[in-house]
Amino acid sequence: MSGSYILLQFGVEPFDLNLEDLEGRPAFTIKLVEEKPNLVVQVCREAEWSQQHPDIMGPSNAYLYFGPTRTPGYLVYGNGPTQPMLNSIRQKKDASTSRYFTAQNGKDYKWKITPQKMECLDGRSTIATWELSKPEDMFSARITIKHSGLQVVTEVLTTLALNRISQALDWKP
């Protein structure tokens, strides 16, 4: 099967938002789980949406564990090993706005980041695009995921959230 899947983002706070498909099914939830002593954020793929797409692979959730005063900490996919957050939003060149991550399948992906849009690429092909909405839209942003992105969809959404959080918290590379 080929094609694209559109998710609508409701909420602008990168720590607290919901993503729904065009039929209104919950697809992902990004929520603050804990604030004290340190911030913990969960990225959760919702069963109602993923059951519609049998090609989805990988973990159904991720947890972002922040350091003191919301500094970069580590993340965990499912019940897998911990990994530093900064490894999932690393730069290859100092002046570049692109960020890179390695998925659990060992493949490298790149986020091309501009103020209004982010594109996730697996080599030369775009597998996901996040775009801010227009003022007249009832949602905050739109995420388009290509079928080939379903195998790493939780990692794509987790690193998207992490890139948005790093911008909001003004982390320096």
N, C-alpha and C. Protein backbone atom coordinates (compact mmCIF):
# COMPACT_ATOMS: atom_id res chain seq x y z
N MET A 1 0.85 -1.18 0.00
CA MET A 1 0.00 0.00 0.00
C MET A 1 0.89 1.24 0.00
N SER A 2 0.47 2.25 -0.72
CA SER A 2 1.22 3.49 -0.72
C SER A 2 0.27 4.61 -0.38
N GLY A 3 0.81 5.79 -0.29
CA GLY A 3 -0.03 6.93 0.03
C GLY A 3 0.51 7.67 1.21
N SER A 4 -0.28 8.61 1.67
CA SER A 4 0.10 9.45 2.79
C SER A 4 -1.01 9.47 3.81
N TYR A 5 -0.64 9.77 5.03
CA TYR A 5 -1.58 9.84 6.14
C TYR A 5 -1.43 11.22 6.77
N ILE A 6 -2.55 11.89 6.96
CA ILE A 6 -2.53 13.24 7.51
C ILE A 6 -3.03 13.20 8.95
N LEU A 7 -2.26 13.83 9.82
CA LEU A 7 -2.64 13.99 11.21
C LEU A 7 -2.74 15.49 11.50
N LEU A 8 -3.78 15.87 12.20
CA LEU A 8 -3.98 17.26 12.59
C LEU A 8 -3.55 17.44 14.04
N GLN A 9 -2.76 18.47 14.27
CA GLN A 9 -2.26 18.76 15.62
C GLN A 9 -3.18 19.77 16.29
N PHE A 10 -3.64 19.42 17.49
CA PHE A 10 -4.45 20.33 18.29
C PHE A 10 -3.65 20.67 19.53
N GLY A 11 -3.35 21.94 19.69
CA GLY A 11 -2.51 22.43 20.78
C GLY A 11 -1.19 22.94 20.22
N VAL A 12 -0.68 24.00 20.80
CA VAL A 12 0.57 24.59 20.33
C VAL A 12 1.73 24.32 21.27
N GLU A 13 1.45 24.00 22.50
CA GLU A 13 2.49 23.72 23.49
C GLU A 13 3.16 22.39 23.15
N PRO A 14 4.49 22.37 22.90
CA PRO A 14 5.12 21.10 22.49
C PRO A 14 5.08 20.00 23.55
N PHE A 15 4.76 20.36 24.81
CA PHE A 15 4.65 19.37 25.88
C PHE A 15 3.24 18.83 26.04
N ASP A 16 2.28 19.41 25.33
CA ASP A 16 0.88 19.08 25.58
C ASP A 16 0.06 19.28 24.31
N LEU A 17 -0.10 18.21 23.52
CA LEU A 17 -0.89 18.32 22.31
C LEU A 17 -1.43 16.97 21.91
N ASN A 18 -2.43 17.00 21.04
CA ASN A 18 -3.06 15.79 20.53
C ASN A 18 -2.99 15.82 19.01
N LEU A 19 -2.84 14.65 18.43
CA LEU A 19 -2.86 14.49 16.99
C LEU A 19 -3.99 13.54 16.63
N GLU A 20 -4.79 13.95 15.64
CA GLU A 20 -5.92 13.14 15.19
C GLU A 20 -5.83 12.95 13.69
N ASP A 21 -6.37 11.84 13.20
CA ASP A 21 -6.45 11.66 11.76
C ASP A 21 -7.66 12.45 11.24
N LEU A 22 -7.86 12.42 9.94
CA LEU A 22 -8.94 13.21 9.34
C LEU A 22 -10.33 12.71 9.71
N GLU A 23 -10.41 11.48 10.23
CA GLU A 23 -11.70 10.94 10.69
C GLU A 23 -11.93 11.24 12.18
N GLY A 24 -11.03 11.98 12.80
CA GLY A 24 -11.19 12.35 14.20
C GLY A 24 -10.68 11.31 15.19
N ARG A 25 -10.02 10.25 14.70
CA ARG A 25 -9.46 9.23 15.60
C ARG A 25 -8.19 9.77 16.26
N PRO A 26 -8.06 9.59 17.57
CA PRO A 26 -6.81 9.98 18.22
C PRO A 26 -5.66 9.14 17.65
N ALA A 27 -4.56 9.80 17.25
CA ALA A 27 -3.42 9.10 16.67
C ALA A 27 -2.21 9.13 17.62
N PHE A 28 -1.89 10.28 18.14
CA PHE A 28 -0.79 10.44 19.09
C PHE A 28 -1.18 11.45 20.14
N THR A 29 -0.64 11.26 21.34
CA THR A 29 -0.80 12.22 22.41
C THR A 29 0.59 12.52 22.95
N ILE A 30 0.89 13.78 23.10
CA ILE A 30 2.14 14.21 23.73
C ILE A 30 1.72 14.96 24.98
N LYS A 31 2.12 14.41 26.13
CA LYS A 31 1.63 15.02 27.36
C LYS A 31 2.70 15.02 28.45
N LEU A 32 2.56 16.00 29.29
CA LEU A 32 3.40 16.15 30.47
C LEU A 32 2.96 15.12 31.49
N VAL A 33 3.87 14.27 31.92
CA VAL A 33 3.55 13.21 32.88
C VAL A 33 3.96 13.63 34.29
N GLU A 34 5.07 14.32 34.39
CA GLU A 34 5.61 14.71 35.70
C GLU A 34 6.39 16.01 35.54
N GLU A 35 6.36 16.85 36.58
CA GLU A 35 7.12 18.09 36.55
C GLU A 35 8.16 18.17 37.66
N LYS A 36 7.99 17.42 38.73
CA LYS A 36 8.91 17.51 39.86
C LYS A 36 9.43 16.13 40.22
N PRO A 37 10.69 15.97 40.43
CA PRO A 37 11.70 17.03 40.44
C PRO A 37 12.10 17.48 39.04
N ASN A 38 11.94 16.60 38.04
CA ASN A 38 12.28 16.96 36.66
C ASN A 38 11.11 16.64 35.74
N LEU A 39 11.10 17.31 34.62
CA LEU A 39 10.05 17.15 33.63
C LEU A 39 10.14 15.78 32.96
N VAL A 40 8.97 15.13 32.79
CA VAL A 40 8.86 13.88 32.04
C VAL A 40 7.70 14.06 31.07
N VAL A 41 7.95 13.77 29.78
CA VAL A 41 6.94 13.91 28.74
C VAL A 41 6.77 12.56 28.06
N GLN A 42 5.52 12.18 27.80
CA GLN A 42 5.22 10.92 27.11
C GLN A 42 4.72 11.23 25.70
N VAL A 43 5.24 10.49 24.74
CA VAL A 43 4.74 10.49 23.37
C VAL A 43 4.08 9.13 23.19
N CYS A 44 2.77 9.13 22.98
CA CYS A 44 2.01 7.88 22.95
C CYS A 44 1.26 7.72 21.63
N ARG A 45 1.52 6.62 20.95
CA ARG A 45 0.75 6.28 19.74
C ARG A 45 -0.53 5.61 20.21
N GLU A 46 -1.64 6.13 19.77
CA GLU A 46 -2.94 5.64 20.23
C GLU A 46 -3.36 4.40 19.45
N ALA A 47 -3.86 3.41 20.17
CA ALA A 47 -4.25 2.13 19.57
C ALA A 47 -5.35 2.30 18.52
N GLU A 48 -6.29 3.19 18.78
CA GLU A 48 -7.41 3.37 17.86
C GLU A 48 -6.92 3.72 16.45
N TRP A 49 -5.87 4.55 16.36
CA TRP A 49 -5.32 4.92 15.05
C TRP A 49 -4.42 3.82 14.50
N SER A 50 -3.53 3.30 15.33
CA SER A 50 -2.56 2.33 14.81
C SER A 50 -3.22 1.03 14.35
N GLN A 51 -4.37 0.70 14.91
CA GLN A 51 -5.08 -0.51 14.46
C GLN A 51 -5.60 -0.36 13.03
N GLN A 52 -5.70 0.87 12.55
CA GLN A 52 -6.13 1.13 11.18
C GLN A 52 -5.00 0.92 10.17
N HIS A 53 -3.75 0.80 10.68
CA HIS A 53 -2.58 0.74 9.81
C HIS A 53 -1.69 -0.44 10.21
N PRO A 54 -1.92 -1.61 9.64
CA PRO A 54 -1.18 -2.80 10.05
C PRO A 54 0.31 -2.75 9.74
N ASP A 55 0.76 -1.81 8.92
CA ASP A 55 2.19 -1.71 8.60
C ASP A 55 2.98 -0.91 9.64
N ILE A 56 2.31 -0.37 10.64
CA ILE A 56 3.02 0.36 11.69
C ILE A 56 3.91 -0.61 12.45
N MET A 57 5.12 -0.16 12.68
CA MET A 57 6.08 -0.98 13.43
C MET A 57 6.66 -0.13 14.56
N GLY A 58 7.45 -0.77 15.38
CA GLY A 58 8.16 -0.05 16.43
C GLY A 58 7.34 0.13 17.69
N PRO A 59 7.93 0.84 18.64
CA PRO A 59 7.29 1.02 19.95
C PRO A 59 6.05 1.90 19.85
N SER A 60 5.14 1.71 20.79
CA SER A 60 3.93 2.52 20.80
C SER A 60 4.08 3.79 21.63
N ASN A 61 5.18 3.89 22.37
CA ASN A 61 5.37 5.12 23.14
C ASN A 61 6.86 5.40 23.37
N ALA A 62 7.09 6.62 23.81
CA ALA A 62 8.43 7.06 24.19
C ALA A 62 8.28 7.98 25.38
N TYR A 63 9.30 8.02 26.22
CA TYR A 63 9.33 8.93 27.35
C TYR A 63 10.57 9.81 27.23
N LEU A 64 10.36 11.10 27.46
CA LEU A 64 11.45 12.07 27.47
C LEU A 64 11.69 12.48 28.92
N TYR A 65 12.86 12.17 29.44
CA TYR A 65 13.23 12.49 30.81
C TYR A 65 14.22 13.65 30.77
N PHE A 66 13.78 14.82 31.24
CA PHE A 66 14.61 16.02 31.18
C PHE A 66 15.52 16.11 32.40
N GLY A 67 16.60 16.84 32.23
CA GLY A 67 17.51 17.10 33.33
C GLY A 67 16.98 18.27 34.16
N PRO A 68 17.78 18.71 35.15
CA PRO A 68 17.37 19.84 35.98
C PRO A 68 17.12 21.09 35.13
N THR A 69 16.16 21.89 35.52
CA THR A 69 15.75 23.12 34.84
C THR A 69 15.51 22.91 33.34
N ARG A 70 14.91 21.79 33.01
CA ARG A 70 14.49 21.46 31.63
C ARG A 70 15.66 21.39 30.64
N THR A 71 16.80 20.96 31.13
CA THR A 71 17.95 20.73 30.26
C THR A 71 17.79 19.38 29.57
N PRO A 72 18.55 19.14 28.49
CA PRO A 72 18.44 17.85 27.81
C PRO A 72 18.80 16.69 28.74
N GLY A 73 17.99 15.67 28.69
CA GLY A 73 18.23 14.47 29.48
C GLY A 73 18.35 13.27 28.57
N TYR A 74 17.45 12.32 28.76
CA TYR A 74 17.50 11.11 27.93
C TYR A 74 16.09 10.72 27.52
N LEU A 75 16.00 9.82 26.55
CA LEU A 75 14.71 9.31 26.12
C LEU A 75 14.75 7.80 26.08
N VAL A 76 13.56 7.22 26.13
CA VAL A 76 13.40 5.77 26.11
C VAL A 76 12.23 5.45 25.19
N TYR A 77 12.44 4.54 24.23
CA TYR A 77 11.35 4.04 23.40
C TYR A 77 10.82 2.76 24.03
N GLY A 78 9.52 2.73 24.31
CA GLY A 78 8.93 1.55 24.92
C GLY A 78 9.65 1.23 26.22
N ASN A 79 10.11 -0.01 26.34
CA ASN A 79 10.90 -0.38 27.51
C ASN A 79 12.34 -0.68 27.09
N GLY A 80 12.80 0.01 26.03
CA GLY A 80 14.15 -0.17 25.51
C GLY A 80 15.19 0.57 26.34
N PRO A 81 16.42 0.59 25.85
CA PRO A 81 17.50 1.26 26.57
C PRO A 81 17.36 2.78 26.49
N THR A 82 17.95 3.46 27.46
CA THR A 82 17.95 4.92 27.44
C THR A 82 18.96 5.41 26.40
N GLN A 83 18.71 6.61 25.90
CA GLN A 83 19.65 7.25 24.99
C GLN A 83 19.60 8.76 25.22
N PRO A 84 20.72 9.43 25.10
CA PRO A 84 20.72 10.89 25.31
C PRO A 84 19.80 11.59 24.31
N MET A 85 19.03 12.55 24.80
CA MET A 85 18.15 13.32 23.92
C MET A 85 18.93 13.97 22.78
N LEU A 86 20.10 14.51 23.11
CA LEU A 86 20.87 15.24 22.11
C LEU A 86 21.31 14.37 20.95
N ASN A 87 21.38 13.04 21.14
CA ASN A 87 21.71 12.14 20.03
C ASN A 87 20.59 12.11 18.99
N SER A 88 19.37 12.45 19.41
CA SER A 88 18.22 12.40 18.51
C SER A 88 17.93 13.73 17.83
N ILE A 89 18.72 14.75 18.16
CA ILE A 89 18.57 16.06 17.51
C ILE A 89 19.96 16.63 17.21
N ARG A 90 20.86 15.75 16.80
CA ARG A 90 22.25 16.18 16.60
C ARG A 90 22.42 16.94 15.28
N GLN A 91 23.43 17.81 15.28
CA GLN A 91 23.81 18.58 14.11
C GLN A 91 25.05 17.96 13.50
N LYS A 92 25.19 18.08 12.19
CA LYS A 92 26.43 17.64 11.55
C LYS A 92 27.34 18.81 11.24
N LYS A 93 26.75 20.00 11.04
CA LYS A 93 27.52 21.21 10.76
C LYS A 93 27.03 22.31 11.68
N ASP A 94 27.94 23.13 12.18
CA ASP A 94 27.59 24.18 13.14
C ASP A 94 26.49 25.12 12.67
N ALA A 95 26.52 25.56 11.44
CA ALA A 95 25.56 26.55 10.96
C ALA A 95 24.27 25.92 10.44
N SER A 96 24.19 24.61 10.41
CA SER A 96 23.04 23.93 9.84
C SER A 96 21.83 23.96 10.76
N THR A 97 20.65 24.08 10.15
CA THR A 97 19.41 23.96 10.93
C THR A 97 18.86 22.54 10.86
N SER A 98 19.51 21.67 10.11
CA SER A 98 19.07 20.27 10.03
C SER A 98 19.48 19.52 11.29
N ARG A 99 18.64 18.56 11.67
CA ARG A 99 18.92 17.73 12.84
C ARG A 99 18.78 16.26 12.42
N TYR A 100 19.61 15.41 13.02
CA TYR A 100 19.69 14.01 12.63
C TYR A 100 19.38 13.09 13.80
N PHE A 101 18.82 11.93 13.48
CA PHE A 101 18.63 10.89 14.49
C PHE A 101 18.81 9.53 13.83
N THR A 102 19.15 8.56 14.64
CA THR A 102 19.26 7.18 14.18
C THR A 102 18.11 6.41 14.80
N ALA A 103 17.30 5.79 13.95
CA ALA A 103 16.16 5.02 14.44
C ALA A 103 16.64 3.69 15.03
N GLN A 104 15.75 3.01 15.69
CA GLN A 104 16.10 1.72 16.29
C GLN A 104 16.47 0.68 15.24
N ASN A 105 16.05 0.89 14.00
CA ASN A 105 16.41 -0.04 12.93
C ASN A 105 17.83 0.22 12.41
N GLY A 106 18.53 1.22 12.99
CA GLY A 106 19.90 1.53 12.61
C GLY A 106 20.02 2.52 11.47
N LYS A 107 18.90 2.93 10.90
CA LYS A 107 18.92 3.84 9.76
C LYS A 107 18.94 5.30 10.24
N ASP A 108 19.69 6.13 9.52
CA ASP A 108 19.77 7.56 9.86
C ASP A 108 18.69 8.35 9.13
N TYR A 109 18.13 9.32 9.84
CA TYR A 109 17.10 10.20 9.31
C TYR A 109 17.50 11.64 9.59
N LYS A 110 16.94 12.54 8.80
CA LYS A 110 17.27 13.96 8.92
C LYS A 110 16.00 14.78 8.96
N TRP A 111 15.96 15.74 9.89
CA TRP A 111 14.90 16.74 9.93
C TRP A 111 15.44 18.03 9.33
N LYS A 112 14.84 18.50 8.24
CA LYS A 112 15.13 19.83 7.68
C LYS A 112 14.16 20.79 8.36
N ILE A 113 14.72 21.80 9.05
CA ILE A 113 13.90 22.66 9.89
C ILE A 113 13.88 24.09 9.37
N THR A 114 12.68 24.62 9.18
CA THR A 114 12.48 26.03 8.89
C THR A 114 11.43 26.53 9.89
N PRO A 115 11.24 27.85 10.01
CA PRO A 115 10.28 28.34 11.02
C PRO A 115 8.85 27.83 10.86
N GLN A 116 8.39 27.60 9.64
CA GLN A 116 7.00 27.20 9.41
C GLN A 116 6.82 25.72 9.10
N LYS A 117 7.94 25.01 8.90
CA LYS A 117 7.83 23.65 8.37
C LYS A 117 9.04 22.81 8.79
N MET A 118 8.82 21.52 8.98
CA MET A 118 9.89 20.56 9.23
C MET A 118 9.64 19.36 8.34
N GLU A 119 10.71 18.88 7.70
CA GLU A 119 10.60 17.70 6.84
C GLU A 119 11.56 16.63 7.34
N CYS A 120 11.06 15.40 7.46
CA CYS A 120 11.89 14.27 7.86
C CYS A 120 12.22 13.46 6.61
N LEU A 121 13.51 13.22 6.41
CA LEU A 121 13.98 12.50 5.23
C LEU A 121 14.74 11.25 5.63
N ASP A 122 14.57 10.21 4.83
CA ASP A 122 15.37 8.99 4.99
C ASP A 122 16.30 8.90 3.77
N GLY A 123 17.34 9.65 3.78
CA GLY A 123 18.18 9.77 2.59
C GLY A 123 17.64 10.91 1.75
N ARG A 124 17.16 10.61 0.56
CA ARG A 124 16.64 11.65 -0.33
C ARG A 124 15.13 11.81 -0.29
N SER A 125 14.43 10.84 0.25
CA SER A 125 12.96 10.85 0.24
C SER A 125 12.39 11.43 1.52
N THR A 126 11.40 12.29 1.36
CA THR A 126 10.68 12.84 2.52
C THR A 126 9.69 11.78 3.00
N ILE A 127 9.76 11.46 4.30
CA ILE A 127 8.81 10.48 4.86
C ILE A 127 7.76 11.14 5.73
N ALA A 128 8.02 12.39 6.18
CA ALA A 128 7.04 13.10 7.01
C ALA A 128 7.28 14.60 6.87
N THR A 129 6.19 15.35 6.93
CA THR A 129 6.26 16.81 6.87
C THR A 129 5.33 17.38 7.93
N TRP A 130 5.86 18.31 8.73
CA TRP A 130 5.08 19.02 9.73
C TRP A 130 4.99 20.47 9.27
N GLU A 131 3.78 21.01 9.18
CA GLU A 131 3.59 22.39 8.73
C GLU A 131 2.62 23.10 9.66
N LEU A 132 2.97 24.34 10.02
CA LEU A 132 2.05 25.16 10.80
C LEU A 132 0.79 25.42 9.99
N SER A 133 -0.32 25.56 10.66
CA SER A 133 -1.59 25.78 9.98
C SER A 133 -1.75 27.25 9.61
N LYS A 134 -2.80 27.51 8.85
CA LYS A 134 -3.17 28.88 8.51
C LYS A 134 -4.04 29.43 9.64
N PRO A 135 -4.10 30.74 9.80
CA PRO A 135 -4.89 31.31 10.90
C PRO A 135 -6.36 30.86 10.91
N GLU A 136 -6.92 30.59 9.75
CA GLU A 136 -8.35 30.21 9.70
C GLU A 136 -8.59 28.74 10.04
N ASP A 137 -7.53 27.93 10.11
CA ASP A 137 -7.68 26.52 10.44
C ASP A 137 -8.03 26.31 11.91
N MET A 138 -8.75 25.24 12.19
CA MET A 138 -9.13 24.95 13.58
C MET A 138 -8.06 24.12 14.29
N PHE A 139 -7.01 23.74 13.60
CA PHE A 139 -5.92 22.97 14.17
C PHE A 139 -4.65 23.81 14.12
N SER A 140 -3.64 23.40 14.87
CA SER A 140 -2.40 24.18 14.98
C SER A 140 -1.39 23.86 13.90
N ALA A 141 -1.34 22.60 13.48
CA ALA A 141 -0.38 22.16 12.46
C ALA A 141 -0.91 20.89 11.82
N ARG A 142 -0.28 20.54 10.70
CA ARG A 142 -0.65 19.34 9.96
C ARG A 142 0.62 18.51 9.78
N ILE A 143 0.50 17.22 10.02
CA ILE A 143 1.62 16.31 9.78
C ILE A 143 1.19 15.32 8.71
N THR A 144 1.99 15.24 7.65
CA THR A 144 1.74 14.29 6.58
C THR A 144 2.83 13.22 6.66
N ILE A 145 2.41 11.97 6.80
CA ILE A 145 3.35 10.86 6.93
C ILE A 145 3.18 9.96 5.71
N LYS A 146 4.26 9.72 5.02
CA LYS A 146 4.22 8.80 3.88
C LYS A 146 4.14 7.37 4.41
N HIS A 147 3.63 6.48 3.59
CA HIS A 147 3.50 5.09 4.00
C HIS A 147 4.83 4.51 4.48
N SER A 148 5.92 4.88 3.80
CA SER A 148 7.24 4.37 4.19
C SER A 148 7.67 4.86 5.58
N GLY A 149 7.03 5.90 6.10
CA GLY A 149 7.35 6.40 7.43
C GLY A 149 6.65 5.66 8.56
N LEU A 150 5.67 4.79 8.21
CA LEU A 150 4.93 4.08 9.25
C LEU A 150 5.81 3.14 10.07
N GLN A 151 6.85 2.61 9.46
CA GLN A 151 7.71 1.67 10.19
C GLN A 151 8.48 2.35 11.33
N VAL A 152 8.63 3.68 11.27
CA VAL A 152 9.33 4.40 12.34
C VAL A 152 8.50 5.59 12.84
N VAL A 153 7.17 5.47 12.75
CA VAL A 153 6.30 6.61 13.02
C VAL A 153 6.44 7.14 14.45
N THR A 154 6.59 6.28 15.44
CA THR A 154 6.75 6.77 16.81
C THR A 154 8.07 7.51 16.96
N GLU A 155 9.11 7.04 16.32
CA GLU A 155 10.40 7.73 16.38
C GLU A 155 10.35 9.06 15.64
N VAL A 156 9.62 9.10 14.54
CA VAL A 156 9.46 10.36 13.80
C VAL A 156 8.73 11.38 14.67
N LEU A 157 7.62 10.97 15.29
CA LEU A 157 6.85 11.90 16.13
C LEU A 157 7.62 12.29 17.39
N THR A 158 8.39 11.37 17.94
CA THR A 158 9.19 11.69 19.13
C THR A 158 10.27 12.70 18.80
N THR A 159 10.98 12.51 17.70
CA THR A 159 12.04 13.45 17.35
C THR A 159 11.47 14.78 16.87
N LEU A 160 10.29 14.76 16.26
CA LEU A 160 9.62 16.02 15.93
C LEU A 160 9.33 16.79 17.21
N ALA A 161 8.73 16.11 18.19
CA ALA A 161 8.44 16.75 19.47
C ALA A 161 9.72 17.26 20.12
N LEU A 162 10.76 16.48 20.09
CA LEU A 162 12.03 16.87 20.70
C LEU A 162 12.63 18.09 20.00
N ASN A 163 12.55 18.15 18.68
CA ASN A 163 13.02 19.34 17.96
C ASN A 163 12.21 20.57 18.33
N ARG A 164 10.90 20.42 18.43
CA ARG A 164 10.06 21.56 18.81
C ARG A 164 10.32 21.99 20.25
N ILE A 165 10.53 21.03 21.13
CA ILE A 165 10.83 21.35 22.53
C ILE A 165 12.18 22.06 22.63
N SER A 166 13.17 21.57 21.89
CA SER A 166 14.49 22.20 21.95
C SER A 166 14.44 23.65 21.46
N GLN A 167 13.58 23.92 20.47
CA GLN A 167 13.39 25.30 20.01
C GLN A 167 12.70 26.13 21.10
N ALA A 168 11.66 25.58 21.69
CA ALA A 168 10.91 26.31 22.72
C ALA A 168 11.79 26.61 23.94
N LEU A 169 12.68 25.69 24.28
CA LEU A 169 13.54 25.88 25.45
C LEU A 169 14.88 26.54 25.09
N ASP A 170 15.08 26.82 23.80
CA ASP A 170 16.27 27.50 23.31
C ASP A 170 17.56 26.75 23.67
N TRP A 171 17.54 25.43 23.43
CA TRP A 171 18.74 24.65 23.65
C TRP A 171 19.76 24.99 22.57
N LYS A 172 20.99 25.12 22.95
CA LYS A 172 22.07 25.38 22.00
C LYS A 172 22.73 24.06 21.65
N PRO A 173 23.02 23.85 20.35
CA PRO A 173 23.63 22.57 19.93
C PRO A 173 25.03 22.38 20.49
